[in-house]
Amino acid sequence: MSQHIAKPRTTAVILAGGTGQRVGLSIPKQLLKIAGKAVIEHTLTTFENAESIDDIIVLMAPGYVPDIEKIVAKAGFKKVSRIIEGGSTRNETTERAISALGEGLAEGEDVNVLFHDAVRPLLSQRVIDDCVTALERYQAVDVAIPSADTIIVTRTHGEDGEFITEIPDRSRLRRGQTPQAFKLSTIKRAYEVAAGDPNFQATDDCSVVLKYLPDVPIHVVAGDEYNMKVTQPVDVFIADKLFQLASTAAPEQVSEEAYRELLTGRTVVVFGGSYGIGKDIAELAESYGASVYALGRSTTGTHVENPEEVDDALSKAYAETGRIDYVVNTAGVLRIGKLAETDNATIEEALKVNYLAPVQIARSSYKYLSETKGQLLLYTSSSYTRGRAEYSLYSSTKAAMVNLTQALSDEWAGDGVRVNCINPERTATPMRTKAFGQEPAGSLLSSEAVARTSLDVLLSELTGHVIDVRQQDPTAGAARASGFEQALASVLDRQDGV
């Protein structure tokens, strides 16, 4: 009978010793806010959500440990086990991490360790999982991507400046990233050998293994372009924009029994529930036992642009059921035309329905959703990433929904209220048919498919996300790409989207 071998513990070590001088800051760059949160909070969130990571240790710049303690406490990170002050150099910081990791280990016990730069907040779950998997076979693992640029080697000749001395073959060159992953025993042994070298100095940990343990092969895992390091001022802008555009794959659907268990006794209020996606969400939620209030102009006479009518609808639902768990707003108008030729009434309608109404719905819903720790679900359009001619009103208000989602999710996080935004590609709805007429069969998403994904998002723990709904099979590789890969795909694919 085979004996079961326990899986070794895997610890992520977040190296946060940078000072931020190159970014021109008076605080460490890992505390700089990007997309509403400190850079290191984004990084910690990624590892907190990684199933292959058991615990997290943070090595923070001297004097800033209390700042990280506050971030960890507010975000509720459960995997962060220790926050330690880092050293004056990268090597010293790593040595402190190795020492902390070795505490309490039984003789002969080994652990997996992933060293990651705190200022690489765009790391994907795929890279983390690939590193952990590689450690099942190798003792040392690096993450790298091919170099798109030609690399030159130069030498300085006095006042004449730099001159090229060599141009290496680009096909063999890689740009190193993090995490760098090791068996603890391996990286510990490398540093012990390095301690005997009076000239020891290294900027990363794989180079320590390469130089001082030359017999240990270092496996390379494919990184990705989005795993950028926030080092220069321009990096701050790029990272912030990537977070803004990033979309999330739809959560996996639960079983029919789970839908009923999660929705029975819950109250769902759907604005824009007369037809299309809103009507389908309402019918779907009701079929699973939820108390549903589907509101719309043509059915209940509810005008979302009227704050009093929104208040009344929510108040009625609460009075009758004693709770409101989910508020959904699919109401919208699509007006196409050149802005200079658009009359005031059309502009006012577009702004009231597409922007002011969601703002009012959010404001009115807050007190009810904070009671139930519920969710507000908004909708954007595939044109939100870039405005297009004759869509100025529609595209700009839909872009505003993304910013509203991200802002409110951060603002309401402390109260347990989640806010997300659905981003369907072109969908067969009465609003679209009215604007474009009949289109080729199979060229559009069905409103039922968008409704099903919407329900899955409502029942998930996601918050602050833009969830793409696309025609291809959600289990396909493209749909399981990272949010940042999806962001790029979305920009390319949405050129003709609405």
Protein backbone atom coordinates (compact mmCIF):
# COMPACT_ATOMS: atom_id res chain seq x y z
CA MET A 1 0.00 0.00 0.00
CA SER A 2 1.44 3.38 -1.05
CA GLN A 3 2.11 5.89 1.67
CA HIS A 4 0.58 9.35 1.31
CA ILE A 5 3.21 12.10 1.21
CA ALA A 6 2.06 15.39 2.69
CA LYS A 7 2.26 18.36 0.36
CA PRO A 8 4.85 20.90 1.57
CA ARG A 9 3.64 24.25 2.81
CA THR A 10 4.01 27.07 0.30
CA THR A 11 4.82 30.57 1.58
CA ALA A 12 4.83 33.77 -0.44
CA VAL A 13 7.44 36.29 0.69
CA ILE A 14 6.55 39.81 -0.42
CA LEU A 15 9.71 41.90 -0.71
CA ALA A 16 8.70 45.48 0.00
CA GLY A 17 11.96 47.16 0.92
CA GLY A 18 12.01 49.79 -1.86
CA THR A 19 12.06 53.48 -0.94
CA GLY A 20 10.36 55.03 -3.98
CA GLN A 21 13.19 57.42 -4.82
CA ARG A 22 13.16 56.57 -8.53
CA VAL A 23 9.45 57.38 -8.70
CA GLY A 24 10.13 60.70 -6.98
CA LEU A 25 8.14 59.91 -3.83
CA SER A 26 8.63 60.70 -0.18
CA ILE A 27 7.04 57.34 0.74
CA PRO A 28 7.93 53.81 -0.39
CA LYS A 29 6.51 53.15 -3.85
CA GLN A 30 4.68 50.06 -2.59
CA LEU A 31 2.45 52.39 -0.55
CA LEU A 32 1.59 54.50 -3.59
CA LYS A 33 -2.09 54.23 -4.52
CA ILE A 34 -3.01 52.71 -7.86
CA ALA A 35 -6.66 52.12 -8.75
CA GLY A 36 -7.70 53.29 -5.30
CA LYS A 37 -5.46 50.95 -3.29
CA ALA A 38 -1.83 50.82 -2.23
CA VAL A 39 0.30 48.90 -4.72
CA ILE A 40 1.18 46.32 -2.08
CA GLU A 41 -2.50 45.73 -1.28
CA HIS A 42 -3.12 44.68 -4.88
CA THR A 43 -0.11 42.35 -4.63
CA LEU A 44 -1.26 40.86 -1.33
CA THR A 45 -4.77 40.35 -2.71
CA THR A 46 -3.38 38.24 -5.54
CA PHE A 47 -1.55 35.91 -3.15
CA GLU A 48 -4.44 35.90 -0.66
CA ASN A 49 -6.68 34.57 -3.45
CA ALA A 50 -4.16 32.02 -4.72
CA GLU A 51 -5.24 28.50 -3.78
CA SER A 52 -1.65 27.23 -4.03
CA ILE A 53 -0.37 29.69 -1.38
CA ASP A 54 -0.72 28.74 2.28
CA ASP A 55 0.65 31.81 4.01
CA ILE A 56 2.32 35.16 3.35
CA ILE A 57 5.24 36.96 4.98
CA VAL A 58 5.87 40.65 4.23
CA LEU A 59 9.35 42.20 4.44
CA MET A 60 8.69 45.94 4.67
CA ALA A 61 10.94 48.96 4.42
CA PRO A 62 12.26 50.06 7.81
CA GLY A 63 9.88 52.37 9.64
CA TYR A 64 6.79 51.40 7.63
CA VAL A 65 5.71 48.13 9.23
CA PRO A 66 2.71 49.83 10.96
CA ASP A 67 1.46 51.02 7.55
CA ILE A 68 1.34 47.42 6.30
CA GLU A 69 -0.30 46.25 9.52
CA LYS A 70 -3.11 48.75 8.93
CA ILE A 71 -3.56 47.65 5.31
CA VAL A 72 -3.67 43.97 6.29
CA ALA A 73 -6.16 44.61 9.10
CA LYS A 74 -8.48 46.74 6.96
CA ALA A 75 -8.44 44.32 4.01
CA GLY A 76 -8.89 41.29 6.29
CA PHE A 77 -6.04 39.29 4.77
CA LYS A 78 -6.05 35.95 6.57
CA LYS A 79 -2.91 34.46 5.01
CA VAL A 80 -0.51 37.20 6.14
CA SER A 81 1.22 35.55 9.10
CA ARG A 82 4.13 37.93 9.73
CA ILE A 83 5.24 41.46 8.82
CA ILE A 84 8.97 41.93 9.31
CA GLU A 85 11.21 44.93 8.85
CA GLY A 86 13.48 44.39 5.85
CA GLY A 87 17.21 44.96 5.67
CA SER A 88 19.25 47.72 4.09
CA THR A 89 19.89 45.62 0.94
CA ARG A 90 17.93 43.09 -1.09
CA ASN A 91 20.27 40.31 0.07
CA GLU A 92 19.87 41.21 3.72
CA THR A 93 16.10 41.31 3.32
CA THR A 94 16.07 37.84 1.76
CA GLU A 95 18.28 36.50 4.55
CA ARG A 96 15.81 37.80 7.14
CA ALA A 97 12.99 36.05 5.28
CA ILE A 98 14.95 32.78 5.17
CA SER A 99 15.56 32.99 8.90
CA ALA A 100 11.87 33.62 9.61
CA LEU A 101 10.82 30.74 7.36
CA GLY A 102 13.10 28.33 9.17
CA GLU A 103 11.62 29.01 12.58
CA GLY A 104 9.56 26.12 13.93
CA LEU A 105 10.45 23.68 11.16
CA ALA A 106 10.99 20.08 12.17
CA GLU A 107 14.29 18.45 11.30
CA GLY A 108 14.31 17.47 7.63
CA GLU A 109 11.15 19.45 6.91
CA ASP A 110 11.21 21.65 3.82
CA VAL A 111 8.85 24.32 2.48
CA ASN A 112 8.25 26.01 -0.84
CA VAL A 113 8.93 29.73 -0.93
CA LEU A 114 8.02 32.30 -3.58
CA PHE A 115 9.87 35.63 -3.41
CA HIS A 116 7.88 38.37 -5.13
CA ASP A 117 8.43 42.09 -5.58
CA ALA A 118 5.69 44.06 -3.83
CA VAL A 119 5.71 46.54 -6.71
CA ARG A 120 4.60 43.94 -9.26
CA PRO A 121 0.85 44.18 -8.52
CA LEU A 122 -0.39 42.75 -11.82
CA LEU A 123 0.77 39.18 -11.25
CA SER A 124 -1.58 36.49 -12.54
CA GLN A 125 -2.76 33.37 -10.73
CA ARG A 126 -1.46 31.33 -13.65
CA VAL A 127 2.15 32.36 -12.99
CA ILE A 128 1.84 31.60 -9.27
CA ASP A 129 0.38 28.16 -9.95
CA ASP A 130 3.05 27.38 -12.57
CA CYS A 131 5.80 28.26 -10.10
CA VAL A 132 4.35 26.04 -7.37
CA THR A 133 3.86 23.18 -9.82
CA ALA A 134 7.45 23.53 -11.06
CA LEU A 135 8.72 23.16 -7.48
CA GLU A 136 7.37 19.60 -7.48
CA ARG A 137 10.24 18.76 -9.83
CA TYR A 138 12.86 21.51 -9.47
CA GLN A 139 14.60 23.17 -6.53
CA ALA A 140 14.82 26.63 -8.10
CA VAL A 141 12.42 28.41 -10.47
CA ASP A 142 12.54 31.78 -12.19
CA VAL A 143 9.88 33.66 -14.16
CA ALA A 144 10.85 35.36 -17.42
CA ILE A 145 9.52 36.64 -20.74
CA PRO A 146 11.22 36.99 -24.15
CA SER A 147 12.80 40.35 -24.86
CA ALA A 148 10.97 42.32 -27.53
CA ASP A 149 13.83 44.81 -27.66
CA THR A 150 17.33 44.34 -29.01
CA ILE A 151 19.75 44.33 -26.07
CA ILE A 152 23.09 46.05 -26.51
CA VAL A 153 26.22 45.89 -24.36
CA THR A 154 28.10 49.19 -24.06
CA ARG A 155 31.28 50.58 -22.65
CA THR A 156 31.95 54.19 -21.67
CA HIS A 157 34.97 55.93 -23.19
CA GLY A 158 35.65 58.96 -21.07
CA GLU A 159 33.84 62.10 -22.11
CA ASP A 160 32.91 60.60 -25.50
CA GLY A 161 30.04 58.66 -23.90
CA GLU A 162 28.87 55.08 -24.54
CA PHE A 163 29.72 52.81 -27.44
CA ILE A 164 28.33 49.38 -28.37
CA THR A 165 30.67 46.50 -27.71
CA GLU A 166 28.29 43.59 -28.25
CA ILE A 167 24.76 42.80 -29.46
CA PRO A 168 23.70 39.41 -28.00
CA ASP A 169 21.37 37.08 -29.88
CA ARG A 170 17.91 38.28 -28.86
CA SER A 171 16.33 34.83 -29.34
CA ARG A 172 18.14 33.60 -26.22
CA LEU A 173 17.55 36.67 -24.08
CA ARG A 174 14.82 36.81 -21.45
CA ARG A 175 13.61 39.54 -19.14
CA GLY A 176 13.46 38.31 -15.57
CA GLN A 177 10.39 38.86 -13.40
CA THR A 178 9.17 37.58 -10.07
CA PRO A 179 8.14 35.39 -8.28
CA GLN A 180 11.38 33.48 -7.93
CA ALA A 181 10.57 30.16 -6.29
CA PHE A 182 12.75 27.77 -4.31
CA LYS A 183 12.83 24.92 -1.92
CA LEU A 184 13.73 26.68 1.33
CA SER A 185 16.65 24.31 1.89
CA THR A 186 18.10 25.27 -1.51
CA ILE A 187 17.97 29.06 -1.18
CA LYS A 188 19.20 28.78 2.42
CA ARG A 189 22.20 26.71 1.32
CA ALA A 190 22.98 29.18 -1.49
CA TYR A 191 23.10 32.10 0.94
CA GLU A 192 25.23 30.11 3.40
CA VAL A 193 27.81 29.50 0.65
CA ALA A 194 27.58 33.13 -0.50
CA ALA A 195 28.34 34.31 3.04
CA GLY A 196 31.90 33.07 2.55
CA ASP A 197 32.43 35.40 -0.41
CA PRO A 198 33.68 38.83 0.77
CA ASN A 199 32.51 40.35 -2.53
CA PHE A 200 29.01 38.87 -2.40
CA GLN A 201 26.37 41.11 -3.93
CA ALA A 202 23.27 40.21 -5.91
CA THR A 203 20.10 41.95 -7.09
CA ASP A 204 17.98 38.80 -7.23
CA ASP A 205 17.90 35.37 -5.64
CA CYS A 206 18.21 33.12 -8.69
CA SER A 207 21.61 34.66 -9.40
CA VAL A 208 22.72 33.58 -5.91
CA VAL A 209 21.77 29.97 -6.68
CA LEU A 210 23.34 30.18 -10.15
CA LYS A 211 26.68 31.42 -8.80
CA TYR A 212 27.01 29.54 -5.53
CA LEU A 213 25.10 26.31 -6.32
CA PRO A 214 26.05 25.81 -10.00
CA ASP A 215 24.89 22.18 -9.97
CA VAL A 216 21.29 23.17 -9.20
CA PRO A 217 19.28 23.70 -12.40
CA ILE A 218 17.01 26.77 -12.43
CA HIS A 219 13.80 26.11 -14.30
CA VAL A 220 12.15 28.99 -16.16
CA VAL A 221 8.38 29.55 -16.04
CA ALA A 222 6.78 31.77 -18.68
CA GLY A 223 5.83 35.15 -17.23
CA ASP A 224 3.65 37.71 -18.94
CA GLU A 225 3.92 41.30 -20.13
CA TYR A 226 1.42 42.51 -17.54
CA ASN A 227 3.64 41.47 -14.64
CA MET A 228 5.36 44.85 -14.78
CA LYS A 229 7.41 46.42 -12.03
CA VAL A 230 6.36 49.87 -10.85
CA THR A 231 9.76 51.57 -10.84
CA GLN A 232 9.60 54.69 -13.00
CA PRO A 233 6.98 57.49 -12.94
CA VAL A 234 5.48 56.28 -16.24
CA ASP A 235 4.93 52.83 -14.68
CA VAL A 236 2.50 54.36 -12.19
CA PHE A 237 0.33 55.68 -15.01
CA ILE A 238 0.47 52.44 -17.04
CA ALA A 239 -0.40 50.25 -14.05
CA ASP A 240 -3.28 52.52 -13.08
CA LYS A 241 -4.71 52.36 -16.61
CA LEU A 242 -4.34 48.56 -16.74
CA PHE A 243 -6.28 48.22 -13.49
CA GLN A 244 -8.97 50.51 -14.87
CA LEU A 245 -9.36 48.44 -18.03
CA ALA A 246 -8.92 45.01 -16.48
CA SER A 247 -11.88 42.71 -16.73
CA THR A 248 -12.62 39.49 -14.91
CA ALA A 249 -13.74 36.13 -16.23
CA ALA A 250 -17.25 35.25 -15.15
CA PRO A 251 -17.38 33.11 -12.00
CA GLU A 252 -18.13 29.45 -12.56
CA GLN A 253 -21.80 28.57 -12.45
CA VAL A 254 -23.08 26.78 -9.39
CA SER A 255 -25.52 23.86 -9.40
CA GLU A 256 -29.28 24.25 -9.70
CA GLU A 257 -29.65 23.25 -6.05
CA ALA A 258 -27.09 25.87 -5.03
CA TYR A 259 -28.96 28.58 -6.92
CA ARG A 260 -32.13 27.72 -5.01
CA GLU A 261 -30.33 27.57 -1.69
CA LEU A 262 -28.64 30.93 -2.26
CA LEU A 263 -31.68 32.77 -3.63
CA THR A 264 -34.59 31.40 -1.63
CA GLY A 265 -35.74 34.07 0.81
CA ARG A 266 -33.61 36.77 -0.83
CA THR A 267 -34.97 39.99 -2.34
CA VAL A 268 -33.82 41.16 -5.76
CA VAL A 269 -34.74 44.58 -7.16
CA VAL A 270 -34.21 45.00 -10.90
CA PHE A 271 -34.44 48.43 -12.50
CA GLY A 272 -34.90 48.11 -16.24
CA GLY A 273 -36.75 44.85 -15.67
CA SER A 274 -39.45 45.32 -18.31
CA TYR A 275 -37.58 43.58 -21.13
CA GLY A 276 -34.21 42.32 -22.33
CA ILE A 277 -31.46 41.44 -19.86
CA GLY A 278 -33.29 42.91 -16.87
CA LYS A 279 -36.44 40.89 -17.53
CA ASP A 280 -34.40 37.70 -17.96
CA ILE A 281 -32.54 38.29 -14.67
CA ALA A 282 -35.82 38.85 -12.86
CA GLU A 283 -37.42 35.68 -14.23
CA LEU A 284 -34.32 33.61 -13.54
CA ALA A 285 -33.96 34.80 -9.94
CA GLU A 286 -37.68 34.27 -9.31
CA SER A 287 -37.48 30.72 -10.65
CA TYR A 288 -34.93 29.96 -7.92
CA GLY A 289 -37.12 31.24 -5.10
CA ALA A 290 -36.13 34.91 -4.79
CA SER A 291 -38.65 37.67 -4.16
CA VAL A 292 -38.16 39.80 -7.26
CA TYR A 293 -39.27 43.34 -8.03
CA ALA A 294 -38.88 43.92 -11.78
CA LEU A 295 -39.35 47.63 -12.42
CA GLY A 296 -39.66 49.48 -15.69
CA ARG A 297 -41.49 52.21 -17.55
CA SER A 298 -43.72 49.93 -19.56
CA THR A 299 -44.66 47.56 -16.72
CA THR A 300 -44.64 49.30 -13.36
CA GLY A 301 -44.39 52.88 -14.62
CA THR A 302 -41.05 53.33 -12.81
CA HIS A 303 -38.81 56.00 -14.31
CA VAL A 304 -35.23 55.46 -13.13
CA GLU A 305 -34.37 59.08 -13.84
CA ASN A 306 -36.83 60.12 -11.14
CA PRO A 307 -35.16 59.77 -7.69
CA GLU A 308 -38.51 59.73 -5.87
CA GLU A 309 -39.73 56.76 -7.90
CA VAL A 310 -36.48 54.89 -7.24
CA ASP A 311 -36.82 55.57 -3.50
CA ASP A 312 -40.45 54.45 -3.52
CA ALA A 313 -39.65 51.20 -5.36
CA LEU A 314 -36.89 50.26 -2.93
CA SER A 315 -38.96 51.27 0.09
CA LYS A 316 -41.87 49.10 -1.11
CA ALA A 317 -39.64 46.05 -1.65
CA TYR A 318 -38.12 46.47 1.80
CA ALA A 319 -41.47 46.98 3.51
CA GLU A 320 -42.91 43.83 1.93
CA THR A 321 -39.96 41.47 2.40
CA GLY A 322 -37.94 43.05 5.22
CA ARG A 323 -34.71 42.98 3.23
CA ILE A 324 -33.02 43.87 -0.04
CA ASP A 325 -30.09 41.66 -1.01
CA TYR A 326 -29.38 42.60 -4.61
CA VAL A 327 -30.06 45.70 -6.67
CA VAL A 328 -29.57 45.47 -10.43
CA ASN A 329 -29.77 48.31 -12.93
CA THR A 330 -29.98 47.40 -16.61
CA ALA A 331 -31.95 50.50 -17.63
CA GLY A 332 -30.36 52.54 -20.39
CA VAL A 333 -30.95 54.44 -23.60
CA LEU A 334 -28.87 54.31 -26.78
CA ARG A 335 -28.86 57.52 -28.79
CA ILE A 336 -26.57 57.64 -31.83
CA GLY A 337 -25.65 60.82 -33.65
CA LYS A 338 -23.23 63.70 -33.94
CA LEU A 339 -23.11 65.68 -30.71
CA ALA A 340 -23.24 69.06 -32.47
CA GLU A 341 -26.51 68.01 -34.09
CA THR A 342 -28.09 66.53 -30.95
CA ASP A 343 -30.87 68.51 -29.27
CA ASN A 344 -30.90 69.37 -25.57
CA ALA A 345 -33.75 67.00 -24.76
CA THR A 346 -31.84 64.00 -26.14
CA ILE A 347 -28.67 64.97 -24.27
CA GLU A 348 -30.59 65.44 -21.03
CA GLU A 349 -32.35 62.08 -21.41
CA ALA A 350 -29.07 60.23 -22.04
CA LEU A 351 -27.36 61.81 -19.04
CA LYS A 352 -30.34 61.28 -16.72
CA VAL A 353 -31.00 57.64 -17.64
CA ASN A 354 -27.45 56.41 -18.28
CA TYR A 355 -25.59 58.31 -15.57
CA LEU A 356 -27.68 60.13 -12.99
CA ALA A 357 -30.12 57.23 -12.56
CA PRO A 358 -27.42 54.68 -11.59
CA VAL A 359 -25.95 57.26 -9.19
CA GLN A 360 -29.35 57.77 -7.55
CA ILE A 361 -30.03 54.03 -7.46
CA ALA A 362 -26.67 53.46 -5.78
CA ARG A 363 -27.28 56.18 -3.22
CA SER A 364 -30.78 54.97 -2.40
CA SER A 365 -29.76 51.28 -2.27
CA TYR A 366 -26.84 51.70 0.09
CA LYS A 367 -28.74 51.63 3.39
CA TYR A 368 -30.59 48.45 2.41
CA LEU A 369 -27.55 46.64 1.01
CA SER A 370 -25.43 47.51 4.05
CA GLU A 371 -27.95 45.62 6.20
CA THR A 372 -27.71 42.43 4.16
CA LYS A 373 -24.07 42.77 2.99
CA GLY A 374 -25.56 42.67 -0.48
CA GLN A 375 -24.52 43.74 -3.95
CA LEU A 376 -25.19 46.47 -6.48
CA LEU A 377 -24.81 45.35 -10.09
CA LEU A 378 -24.35 47.90 -12.87
CA TYR A 379 -23.85 47.54 -16.62
CA THR A 380 -21.37 49.04 -19.02
CA SER A 381 -20.85 48.60 -22.74
CA SER A 382 -18.09 47.16 -24.88
CA SER A 383 -17.38 50.70 -26.09
CA TYR A 384 -16.37 51.97 -22.65
CA THR A 385 -12.63 51.60 -23.30
CA ARG A 386 -12.64 54.13 -26.12
CA GLY A 387 -15.27 56.62 -27.25
CA ARG A 388 -16.33 56.48 -30.89
CA ALA A 389 -17.73 59.00 -33.30
CA GLU A 390 -21.52 59.42 -32.93
CA TYR A 391 -21.49 57.45 -29.65
CA SER A 392 -20.17 60.27 -27.45
CA LEU A 393 -23.07 60.28 -24.99
CA TYR A 394 -23.46 56.51 -24.75
CA SER A 395 -19.75 55.63 -24.57
CA SER A 396 -18.90 58.32 -22.03
CA THR A 397 -21.75 57.43 -19.67
CA LYS A 398 -20.88 53.73 -19.92
CA ALA A 399 -17.25 54.50 -19.10
CA ALA A 400 -18.58 56.37 -16.08
CA MET A 401 -20.27 53.16 -14.88
CA VAL A 402 -16.88 51.44 -14.67
CA ASN A 403 -15.40 54.28 -12.63
CA LEU A 404 -18.51 54.39 -10.43
CA THR A 405 -18.23 50.65 -9.80
CA GLN A 406 -14.57 50.80 -8.86
CA ALA A 407 -15.05 53.85 -6.63
CA LEU A 408 -18.09 52.53 -4.77
CA SER A 409 -16.61 49.07 -4.25
CA ASP A 410 -13.74 50.72 -2.40
CA GLU A 411 -16.00 53.19 -0.59
CA TRP A 412 -18.43 50.51 0.60
CA ALA A 413 -15.96 47.67 1.25
CA GLY A 414 -15.85 48.40 4.97
CA ASP A 415 -19.61 47.88 5.17
CA GLY A 416 -19.51 44.59 3.28
CA VAL A 417 -21.41 45.92 0.25
CA ARG A 418 -20.16 44.60 -3.07
CA VAL A 419 -20.38 46.51 -6.35
CA ASN A 420 -19.69 44.99 -9.77
CA CYS A 421 -20.22 45.85 -13.40
CA ILE A 422 -21.25 43.53 -16.25
CA ASN A 423 -19.67 44.22 -19.65
CA PRO A 424 -21.50 42.20 -22.30
CA GLU A 425 -20.37 42.30 -25.88
CA ARG A 426 -23.05 43.04 -28.46
CA THR A 427 -26.28 41.55 -27.14
CA ALA A 428 -29.63 40.85 -28.74
CA THR A 429 -31.94 43.21 -26.84
CA PRO A 430 -34.93 45.33 -27.90
CA MET A 431 -32.82 48.46 -27.35
CA ARG A 432 -30.20 47.25 -29.81
CA THR A 433 -32.78 46.08 -32.36
CA LYS A 434 -34.42 49.50 -32.21
CA ALA A 435 -31.07 51.18 -32.93
CA PHE A 436 -29.65 48.77 -35.55
CA GLY A 437 -32.53 46.68 -36.84
CA GLN A 438 -32.27 42.93 -37.34
CA GLU A 439 -28.71 41.59 -37.41
CA PRO A 440 -27.33 38.23 -38.61
CA ALA A 441 -28.31 35.26 -36.44
CA GLY A 442 -25.50 34.11 -34.20
CA SER A 443 -23.64 37.44 -34.33
CA LEU A 444 -24.99 38.58 -30.96
CA LEU A 445 -25.01 37.31 -27.41
CA SER A 446 -28.39 36.22 -26.08
CA SER A 447 -29.84 38.29 -23.26
CA GLU A 448 -30.44 35.00 -21.39
CA ALA A 449 -26.70 34.27 -21.38
CA VAL A 450 -25.93 37.70 -19.96
CA ALA A 451 -28.65 37.23 -17.33
CA ARG A 452 -27.19 33.90 -16.23
CA THR A 453 -23.72 35.40 -15.83
CA SER A 454 -25.25 38.35 -13.97
CA LEU A 455 -26.82 35.96 -11.49
CA ASP A 456 -23.50 34.17 -11.01
CA VAL A 457 -21.81 37.49 -10.24
CA LEU A 458 -24.53 38.43 -7.74
CA LEU A 459 -23.95 35.16 -5.90
CA SER A 460 -20.15 35.52 -5.90
CA GLU A 461 -17.84 37.34 -3.51
CA LEU A 462 -16.45 39.55 -6.26
CA THR A 463 -16.40 43.30 -5.78
CA GLY A 464 -15.01 46.14 -7.84
CA HIS A 465 -14.78 44.01 -10.97
CA VAL A 466 -15.74 44.49 -14.59
CA ILE A 467 -16.99 41.10 -15.77
CA ASP A 468 -16.78 40.40 -19.49
CA VAL A 469 -19.50 38.30 -21.07
CA ARG A 470 -18.41 37.04 -24.46
CA GLN A 471 -19.74 34.58 -26.97
CA GLN A 472 -17.01 31.95 -26.76
CA ASP A 473 -17.24 29.05 -24.35
CA PRO A 474 -16.33 30.41 -20.88
CA THR A 475 -14.20 27.34 -20.24
CA ALA A 476 -12.00 28.12 -23.24
CA GLY A 477 -8.48 29.37 -22.67
CA ALA A 478 -9.16 32.90 -23.91
CA ALA A 479 -11.98 33.41 -21.45
CA ARG A 480 -9.81 32.11 -18.60
CA ALA A 481 -7.02 34.56 -19.35
CA SER A 482 -5.95 37.03 -16.70
CA GLY A 483 -7.91 40.23 -16.30
CA PHE A 484 -5.09 42.16 -17.94
CA GLU A 485 -4.94 39.84 -20.94
CA GLN A 486 -8.68 40.29 -21.25
CA ALA A 487 -8.23 44.04 -21.04
CA LEU A 488 -5.97 43.98 -24.10
CA ALA A 489 -8.26 41.56 -25.94
CA SER A 490 -11.22 43.76 -25.15
CA VAL A 491 -9.55 46.86 -26.56
CA LEU A 492 -8.82 44.98 -29.78
CA ASP A 493 -12.16 43.20 -30.05
CA ARG A 494 -14.48 46.10 -29.19
CA GLN A 495 -13.73 48.28 -32.19
CA ASP A 496 -17.28 47.78 -33.46
CA GLY A 497 -18.94 47.14 -30.11
CA VAL A 498 -21.77 49.01 -28.45
